[in-house]
Amino acid sequence: MLPRGIFGEFAAAEGFHSAALKARDSHLQRSQDHHARLTDIASKGHIGAGVVTDTDSDAAQAIAGASDQFEAEDA
């Protein structure tokens, strides 16, 4: 936190100090909001991973089944 008077004891310095604190607070709030959103997204990652794993497993079974079907037709 910027201490009061760090930029001087005149109106423009006080205005700059206020603007700097306001920008810092805004940045801090946005950072906290982004962190919350990213944490929420990350907590759902296992759902997407499960879907991909299931789809991959189903595709592997379908490919194996197709191979068995071709072997049966050749016999």
PDB file of N, CA and C in Angstrom:
ATOM      1  N   MET A   1       0.846  -1.176   0.000  1.00  0.00           N
ATOM      2  CA  MET A   1       0.000   0.000   0.000  1.00  0.00           C
ATOM      3  C   MET A   1       0.886   1.232   0.000  1.00  0.00           C
ATOM      4  N   LEU A   2       0.499   2.190  -0.797  1.00  0.00           N
ATOM      5  CA  LEU A   2       1.265   3.436  -0.877  1.00  0.00           C
ATOM      6  C   LEU A   2       0.920   4.338   0.302  1.00  0.00           C
ATOM      7  N   PRO A   3       1.933   4.762   1.044  1.00  0.00           N
ATOM      8  CA  PRO A   3       1.638   5.668   2.162  1.00  0.00           C
ATOM      9  C   PRO A   3       1.227   7.050   1.656  1.00  0.00           C
ATOM     10  N   ARG A   4       0.337   7.660   2.377  1.00  0.00           N
ATOM     11  CA  ARG A   4      -0.138   8.998   2.024  1.00  0.00           C
ATOM     12  C   ARG A   4       1.035   9.970   2.077  1.00  0.00           C
ATOM     13  N   GLY A   5       1.117  10.852   1.105  1.00  0.00           N
ATOM     14  CA  GLY A   5       2.188  11.844   1.070  1.00  0.00           C
ATOM     15  C   GLY A   5       3.438  11.375   0.342  1.00  0.00           C
ATOM     16  N   ILE A   6       3.456  10.175  -0.154  1.00  0.00           N
ATOM     17  CA  ILE A   6       4.656   9.653  -0.815  1.00  0.00           C
ATOM     18  C   ILE A   6       5.024  10.459  -2.063  1.00  0.00           C
ATOM     19  N   PHE A   7       4.021  11.032  -2.723  1.00  0.00           N
ATOM     20  CA  PHE A   7       4.270  11.811  -3.934  1.00  0.00           C
ATOM     21  C   PHE A   7       4.341  13.310  -3.662  1.00  0.00           C
ATOM     22  N   GLY A   8       4.202  13.683  -2.429  1.00  0.00           N
ATOM     23  CA  GLY A   8       4.271  15.098  -2.060  1.00  0.00           C
ATOM     24  C   GLY A   8       3.008  15.548  -1.350  1.00  0.00           C
ATOM     25  N   GLU A   9       3.055  16.778  -0.907  1.00  0.00           N
ATOM     26  CA  GLU A   9       1.953  17.338  -0.130  1.00  0.00           C
ATOM     27  C   GLU A   9       1.238  18.431  -0.916  1.00  0.00           C
ATOM     28  N   PHE A  10       0.883  18.175  -2.173  1.00  0.00           N
ATOM     29  CA  PHE A  10       0.165  19.163  -2.974  1.00  0.00           C
ATOM     30  C   PHE A  10      -0.968  18.452  -3.708  1.00  0.00           C
ATOM     31  N   ALA A  11      -1.897  19.217  -4.255  1.00  0.00           N
ATOM     32  CA  ALA A  11      -3.144  18.675  -4.810  1.00  0.00           C
ATOM     33  C   ALA A  11      -2.909  17.624  -5.899  1.00  0.00           C
ATOM     34  N   ALA A  12      -1.997  17.882  -6.819  1.00  0.00           N
ATOM     35  CA  ALA A  12      -1.756  16.924  -7.906  1.00  0.00           C
ATOM     36  C   ALA A  12      -1.204  15.607  -7.358  1.00  0.00           C
ATOM     37  N   ALA A  13      -0.338  15.692  -6.358  1.00  0.00           N
ATOM     38  CA  ALA A  13       0.223  14.483  -5.748  1.00  0.00           C
ATOM     39  C   ALA A  13      -0.863  13.688  -5.036  1.00  0.00           C
ATOM     40  N   GLU A  14      -1.744  14.387  -4.340  1.00  0.00           N
ATOM     41  CA  GLU A  14      -2.857  13.724  -3.650  1.00  0.00           C
ATOM     42  C   GLU A  14      -3.786  13.053  -4.670  1.00  0.00           C
ATOM     43  N   GLY A  15      -4.038  13.757  -5.783  1.00  0.00           N
ATOM     44  CA  GLY A  15      -4.878  13.179  -6.841  1.00  0.00           C
ATOM     45  C   GLY A  15      -4.245  11.939  -7.447  1.00  0.00           C
ATOM     46  N   PHE A  16      -2.932  12.024  -7.683  1.00  0.00           N
ATOM     47  CA  PHE A  16      -2.230  10.860  -8.236  1.00  0.00           C
ATOM     48  C   PHE A  16      -2.259   9.699  -7.251  1.00  0.00           C
ATOM     49  N   HIS A  17      -2.057  10.003  -5.979  1.00  0.00           N
ATOM     50  CA  HIS A  17      -2.083   8.971  -4.939  1.00  0.00           C
ATOM     51  C   HIS A  17      -3.447   8.281  -4.921  1.00  0.00           C
ATOM     52  N   SER A  18      -4.495   9.056  -4.981  1.00  0.00           N
ATOM     53  CA  SER A  18      -5.853   8.493  -4.993  1.00  0.00           C
ATOM     54  C   SER A  18      -6.082   7.632  -6.232  1.00  0.00           C
ATOM     55  N   ALA A  19      -5.626   8.112  -7.387  1.00  0.00           N
ATOM     56  CA  ALA A  19      -5.782   7.347  -8.633  1.00  0.00           C
ATOM     57  C   ALA A  19      -4.993   6.048  -8.580  1.00  0.00           C
ATOM     58  N   ALA A  20      -3.791   6.097  -8.027  1.00  0.00           N
ATOM     59  CA  ALA A  20      -2.965   4.889  -7.915  1.00  0.00           C
ATOM     60  C   ALA A  20      -3.626   3.865  -6.992  1.00  0.00           C
ATOM     61  N   LEU A  21      -4.177   4.317  -5.885  1.00  0.00           N
ATOM     62  CA  LEU A  21      -4.852   3.395  -4.969  1.00  0.00           C
ATOM     63  C   LEU A  21      -6.109   2.796  -5.611  1.00  0.00           C
ATOM     64  N   LYS A  22      -6.844   3.619  -6.341  1.00  0.00           N
ATOM     65  CA  LYS A  22      -8.046   3.143  -7.009  1.00  0.00           C
ATOM     66  C   LYS A  22      -7.685   2.095  -8.070  1.00  0.00           C
ATOM     67  N   ALA A  23      -6.631   2.359  -8.844  1.00  0.00           N
ATOM     68  CA  ALA A  23      -6.179   1.400  -9.863  1.00  0.00           C
ATOM     69  C   ALA A  23      -5.718   0.103  -9.212  1.00  0.00           C
ATOM     70  N   ARG A  24      -5.000   0.220  -8.092  1.00  0.00           N
ATOM     71  CA  ARG A  24      -4.536  -0.972  -7.377  1.00  0.00           C
ATOM     72  C   ARG A  24      -5.712  -1.802  -6.882  1.00  0.00           C
ATOM     73  N   ASP A  25      -6.697  -1.147  -6.300  1.00  0.00           N
ATOM     74  CA  ASP A  25      -7.872  -1.857  -5.787  1.00  0.00           C
ATOM     75  C   ASP A  25      -8.639  -2.542  -6.915  1.00  0.00           C
ATOM     76  N   SER A  26      -8.756  -1.843  -8.047  1.00  0.00           N
ATOM     77  CA  SER A  26      -9.448  -2.418  -9.205  1.00  0.00           C
ATOM     78  C   SER A  26      -8.697  -3.638  -9.733  1.00  0.00           C
ATOM     79  N   HIS A  27      -7.388  -3.519  -9.829  1.00  0.00           N
ATOM     80  CA  HIS A  27      -6.554  -4.632 -10.301  1.00  0.00           C
ATOM     81  C   HIS A  27      -6.660  -5.822  -9.344  1.00  0.00           C
ATOM     82  N   LEU A  28      -6.621  -5.551  -8.066  1.00  0.00           N
ATOM     83  CA  LEU A  28      -6.731  -6.606  -7.065  1.00  0.00           C
ATOM     84  C   LEU A  28      -8.076  -7.325  -7.188  1.00  0.00           C
ATOM     85  N   GLN A  29      -9.148  -6.578  -7.356  1.00  0.00           N
ATOM     86  CA  GLN A  29     -10.480  -7.182  -7.487  1.00  0.00           C
ATOM     87  C   GLN A  29     -10.561  -8.041  -8.742  1.00  0.00           C
ATOM     88  N   ARG A  30     -10.043  -7.534  -9.867  1.00  0.00           N
ATOM     89  CA  ARG A  30     -10.058  -8.316 -11.114  1.00  0.00           C
ATOM     90  C   ARG A  30      -9.237  -9.590 -10.967  1.00  0.00           C
ATOM     91  N   SER A  31      -8.101  -9.491 -10.296  1.00  0.00           N
ATOM     92  CA  SER A  31      -7.252 -10.671 -10.078  1.00  0.00           C
ATOM     93  C   SER A  31      -7.983 -11.714  -9.238  1.00  0.00           C
ATOM     94  N   GLN A  32      -8.670 -11.262  -8.217  1.00  0.00           N
ATOM     95  CA  GLN A  32      -9.430 -12.188  -7.369  1.00  0.00           C
ATOM     96  C   GLN A  32     -10.578 -12.825  -8.146  1.00  0.00           C
ATOM     97  N   ASP A  33     -11.254 -12.044  -8.992  1.00  0.00           N
ATOM     98  CA  ASP A  33     -12.337 -12.584  -9.825  1.00  0.00           C
ATOM     99  C   ASP A  33     -11.799 -13.627 -10.802  1.00  0.00           C
ATOM    100  N   HIS A  34     -10.670 -13.323 -11.446  1.00  0.00           N
ATOM    101  CA  HIS A  34     -10.070 -14.276 -12.378  1.00  0.00           C
ATOM    102  C   HIS A  34      -9.668 -15.553 -11.661  1.00  0.00           C
ATOM    103  N   HIS A  35      -9.094 -15.406 -10.475  1.00  0.00           N
ATOM    104  CA  HIS A  35      -8.688 -16.581  -9.701  1.00  0.00           C
ATOM    105  C   HIS A  35      -9.899 -17.456  -9.385  1.00  0.00           C
ATOM    106  N   ALA A  36     -10.986 -16.841  -8.991  1.00  0.00           N
ATOM    107  CA  ALA A  36     -12.201 -17.606  -8.670  1.00  0.00           C
ATOM    108  C   ALA A  36     -12.728 -18.335  -9.901  1.00  0.00           C
ATOM    109  N   ARG A  37     -12.741 -17.654 -11.047  1.00  0.00           N
ATOM    110  CA  ARG A  37     -13.232 -18.290 -12.273  1.00  0.00           C
ATOM    111  C   ARG A  37     -12.334 -19.431 -12.699  1.00  0.00           C
ATOM    112  N   LEU A  38     -11.017 -19.220 -12.661  1.00  0.00           N
ATOM    113  CA  LEU A  38     -10.089 -20.269 -13.066  1.00  0.00           C
ATOM    114  C   LEU A  38     -10.128 -21.459 -12.111  1.00  0.00           C
ATOM    115  N   THR A  39     -10.318 -21.198 -10.833  1.00  0.00           N
ATOM    116  CA  THR A  39     -10.450 -22.281  -9.865  1.00  0.00           C
ATOM    117  C   THR A  39     -11.698 -23.100 -10.163  1.00  0.00           C
ATOM    118  N   ASP A  40     -12.780 -22.423 -10.507  1.00  0.00           N
ATOM    119  CA  ASP A  40     -14.025 -23.110 -10.860  1.00  0.00           C
ATOM    120  C   ASP A  40     -13.832 -23.971 -12.106  1.00  0.00           C
ATOM    121  N   ILE A  41     -13.183 -23.425 -13.120  1.00  0.00           N
ATOM    122  CA  ILE A  41     -12.925 -24.186 -14.347  1.00  0.00           C
ATOM    123  C   ILE A  41     -12.032 -25.382 -14.047  1.00  0.00           C
ATOM    124  N   ALA A  42     -10.982 -25.175 -13.262  1.00  0.00           N
ATOM    125  CA  ALA A  42     -10.054 -26.260 -12.939  1.00  0.00           C
ATOM    126  C   ALA A  42     -10.749 -27.371 -12.160  1.00  0.00           C
ATOM    127  N   SER A  43     -11.703 -26.997 -11.320  1.00  0.00           N
ATOM    128  CA  SER A  43     -12.394 -28.013 -10.527  1.00  0.00           C
ATOM    129  C   SER A  43     -13.263 -28.914 -11.397  1.00  0.00           C
ATOM    130  N   LYS A  44     -13.562 -28.458 -12.618  1.00  0.00           N
ATOM    131  CA  LYS A  44     -14.400 -29.245 -13.523  1.00  0.00           C
ATOM    132  C   LYS A  44     -13.576 -30.019 -14.551  1.00  0.00           C
ATOM    133  N   GLY A  45     -12.263 -29.906 -14.482  1.00  0.00           N
ATOM    134  CA  GLY A  45     -11.396 -30.576 -15.442  1.00  0.00           C
ATOM    135  C   GLY A  45     -11.560 -32.077 -15.452  1.00  0.00           C
ATOM    136  N   HIS A  46     -11.810 -32.665 -14.296  1.00  0.00           N
ATOM    137  CA  HIS A  46     -11.955 -34.118 -14.229  1.00  0.00           C
ATOM    138  C   HIS A  46     -13.176 -34.598 -15.018  1.00  0.00           C
ATOM    139  N   ILE A  47     -14.176 -33.743 -15.151  1.00  0.00           N
ATOM    140  CA  ILE A  47     -15.368 -34.120 -15.922  1.00  0.00           C
ATOM    141  C   ILE A  47     -14.998 -34.281 -17.391  1.00  0.00           C
ATOM    142  N   GLY A  48     -14.287 -33.308 -17.936  1.00  0.00           N
ATOM    143  CA  GLY A  48     -13.845 -33.386 -19.323  1.00  0.00           C
ATOM    144  C   GLY A  48     -12.904 -34.545 -19.552  1.00  0.00           C
ATOM    145  N   ALA A  49     -12.014 -34.781 -18.611  1.00  0.00           N
ATOM    146  CA  ALA A  49     -11.079 -35.896 -18.739  1.00  0.00           C
ATOM    147  C   ALA A  49     -11.827 -37.231 -18.754  1.00  0.00           C
ATOM    148  N   GLY A  50     -12.859 -37.340 -17.940  1.00  0.00           N
ATOM    149  CA  GLY A  50     -13.662 -38.575 -17.920  1.00  0.00           C
ATOM    150  C   GLY A  50     -14.382 -38.803 -19.237  1.00  0.00           C
ATOM    151  N   VAL A  51     -14.909 -37.742 -19.824  1.00  0.00           N
ATOM    152  CA  VAL A  51     -15.599 -37.848 -21.106  1.00  0.00           C
ATOM    153  C   VAL A  51     -14.630 -38.307 -22.187  1.00  0.00           C
ATOM    154  N   VAL A  52     -13.441 -37.706 -22.218  1.00  0.00           N
ATOM    155  CA  VAL A  52     -12.440 -38.091 -23.220  1.00  0.00           C
ATOM    156  C   VAL A  52     -12.026 -39.550 -23.024  1.00  0.00           C
ATOM    157  N   THR A  53     -11.824 -39.966 -21.793  1.00  0.00           N
ATOM    158  CA  THR A  53     -11.432 -41.347 -21.518  1.00  0.00           C
ATOM    159  C   THR A  53     -12.521 -42.314 -21.950  1.00  0.00           C
ATOM    160  N   ASP A  54     -13.773 -42.002 -21.641  1.00  0.00           N
ATOM    161  CA  ASP A  54     -14.886 -42.871 -22.036  1.00  0.00           C
ATOM    162  C   ASP A  54     -15.012 -42.946 -23.549  1.00  0.00           C
ATOM    163  N   THR A  55     -14.881 -41.813 -24.215  1.00  0.00           N
ATOM    164  CA  THR A  55     -14.977 -41.787 -25.679  1.00  0.00           C
ATOM    165  C   THR A  55     -13.857 -42.601 -26.297  1.00  0.00           C
ATOM    166  N   ASP A  56     -12.655 -42.463 -25.772  1.00  0.00           N
ATOM    167  CA  ASP A  56     -11.511 -43.206 -26.278  1.00  0.00           C
ATOM    168  C   ASP A  56     -11.707 -44.705 -26.062  1.00  0.00           C
ATOM    169  N   SER A  57     -12.209 -45.081 -24.916  1.00  0.00           N
ATOM    170  CA  SER A  57     -12.471 -46.494 -24.624  1.00  0.00           C
ATOM    171  C   SER A  57     -13.544 -47.059 -25.553  1.00  0.00           C
ATOM    172  N   ASP A  58     -14.610 -46.298 -25.758  1.00  0.00           N
ATOM    173  CA  ASP A  58     -15.678 -46.742 -26.669  1.00  0.00           C
ATOM    174  C   ASP A  58     -15.147 -46.898 -28.091  1.00  0.00           C
ATOM    175  N   ALA A  59     -14.312 -45.975 -28.533  1.00  0.00           N
ATOM    176  CA  ALA A  59     -13.737 -46.057 -29.879  1.00  0.00           C
ATOM    177  C   ALA A  59     -12.829 -47.275 -29.996  1.00  0.00           C
ATOM    178  N   ALA A  60     -12.029 -47.543 -28.983  1.00  0.00           N
ATOM    179  CA  ALA A  60     -11.147 -48.709 -29.000  1.00  0.00           C
ATOM    180  C   ALA A  60     -11.955 -49.999 -29.075  1.00  0.00           C
ATOM    181  N   GLN A  61     -13.054 -50.074 -28.343  1.00  0.00           N
ATOM    182  CA  GLN A  61     -13.916 -51.265 -28.387  1.00  0.00           C
ATOM    183  C   GLN A  61     -14.567 -51.414 -29.759  1.00  0.00           C
ATOM    184  N   ALA A  62     -14.978 -50.305 -30.361  1.00  0.00           N
ATOM    185  CA  ALA A  62     -15.596 -50.360 -31.684  1.00  0.00           C
ATOM    186  C   ALA A  62     -14.587 -50.823 -32.728  1.00  0.00           C
ATOM    187  N   ILE A  63     -13.362 -50.360 -32.634  1.00  0.00           N
ATOM    188  CA  ILE A  63     -12.325 -50.783 -33.572  1.00  0.00           C
ATOM    189  C   ILE A  63     -12.021 -52.262 -33.387  1.00  0.00           C
ATOM    190  N   ALA A  64     -11.903 -52.699 -32.148  1.00  0.00           N
ATOM    191  CA  ALA A  64     -11.645 -54.120 -31.886  1.00  0.00           C
ATOM    192  C   ALA A  64     -12.805 -54.975 -32.389  1.00  0.00           C
ATOM    193  N   GLY A  65     -14.030 -54.517 -32.195  1.00  0.00           N
ATOM    194  CA  GLY A  65     -15.210 -55.248 -32.662  1.00  0.00           C
ATOM    195  C   GLY A  65     -15.243 -55.332 -34.177  1.00  0.00           C
ATOM    196  N   ALA A  66     -14.831 -54.272 -34.853  1.00  0.00           N
ATOM    197  CA  ALA A  66     -14.801 -54.278 -36.316  1.00  0.00           C
ATOM    198  C   ALA A  66     -13.770 -55.271 -36.814  1.00  0.00           C
ATOM    199  N   SER A  67     -12.649 -55.349 -36.156  1.00  0.00           N
ATOM    200  CA  SER A  67     -11.609 -56.302 -36.539  1.00  0.00           C
ATOM    201  C   SER A  67     -12.122 -57.726 -36.396  1.00  0.00           C
ATOM    202  N   ASP A  68     -12.828 -58.014 -35.304  1.00  0.00           N
ATOM    203  CA  ASP A  68     -13.401 -59.356 -35.088  1.00  0.00           C
ATOM    204  C   ASP A  68     -14.409 -59.662 -36.175  1.00  0.00           C
ATOM    205  N   GLN A  69     -15.185 -58.666 -36.578  1.00  0.00           N
ATOM    206  CA  GLN A  69     -16.207 -58.862 -37.599  1.00  0.00           C
ATOM    207  C   GLN A  69     -15.572 -59.197 -38.941  1.00  0.00           C
ATOM    208  N   PHE A  70     -14.478 -58.553 -39.306  1.00  0.00           N
ATOM    209  CA  PHE A  70     -13.798 -58.850 -40.565  1.00  0.00           C
ATOM    210  C   PHE A  70     -13.183 -60.232 -40.542  1.00  0.00           C
ATOM    211  N   GLU A  71     -12.627 -60.627 -39.401  1.00  0.00           N
ATOM    212  CA  GLU A  71     -12.038 -61.956 -39.284  1.00  0.00           C
ATOM    213  C   GLU A  71     -13.108 -63.029 -39.433  1.00  0.00           C
ATOM    214  N   ALA A  72     -14.293 -62.794 -38.907  1.00  0.00           N
ATOM    215  CA  ALA A  72     -15.392 -63.760 -39.005  1.00  0.00           C
ATOM    216  C   ALA A  72     -15.865 -63.892 -40.454  1.00  0.00           C
ATOM    217  N   GLU A  73     -15.853 -62.788 -41.197  1.00  0.00           N
ATOM    218  CA  GLU A  73     -16.310 -62.831 -42.598  1.00  0.00           C
ATOM    219  C   GLU A  73     -15.290 -63.551 -43.475  1.00  0.00           C
ATOM    220  N   ASP A  74     -13.987 -63.492 -43.124  1.00  0.00           N
ATOM    221  CA  ASP A  74     -12.957 -64.149 -43.900  1.00  0.00           C
ATOM    222  C   ASP A  74     -12.954 -65.660 -43.683  1.00  0.00           C
ATOM    223  N   ALA A  75     -13.475 -66.123 -42.595  1.00  0.00           N
ATOM    224  CA  ALA A  75     -13.424 -67.553 -42.272  1.00  0.00           C
ATOM    225  C   ALA A  75     -14.433 -68.358 -43.060  1.00  0.00           C
TER     226      ALA A  75
END
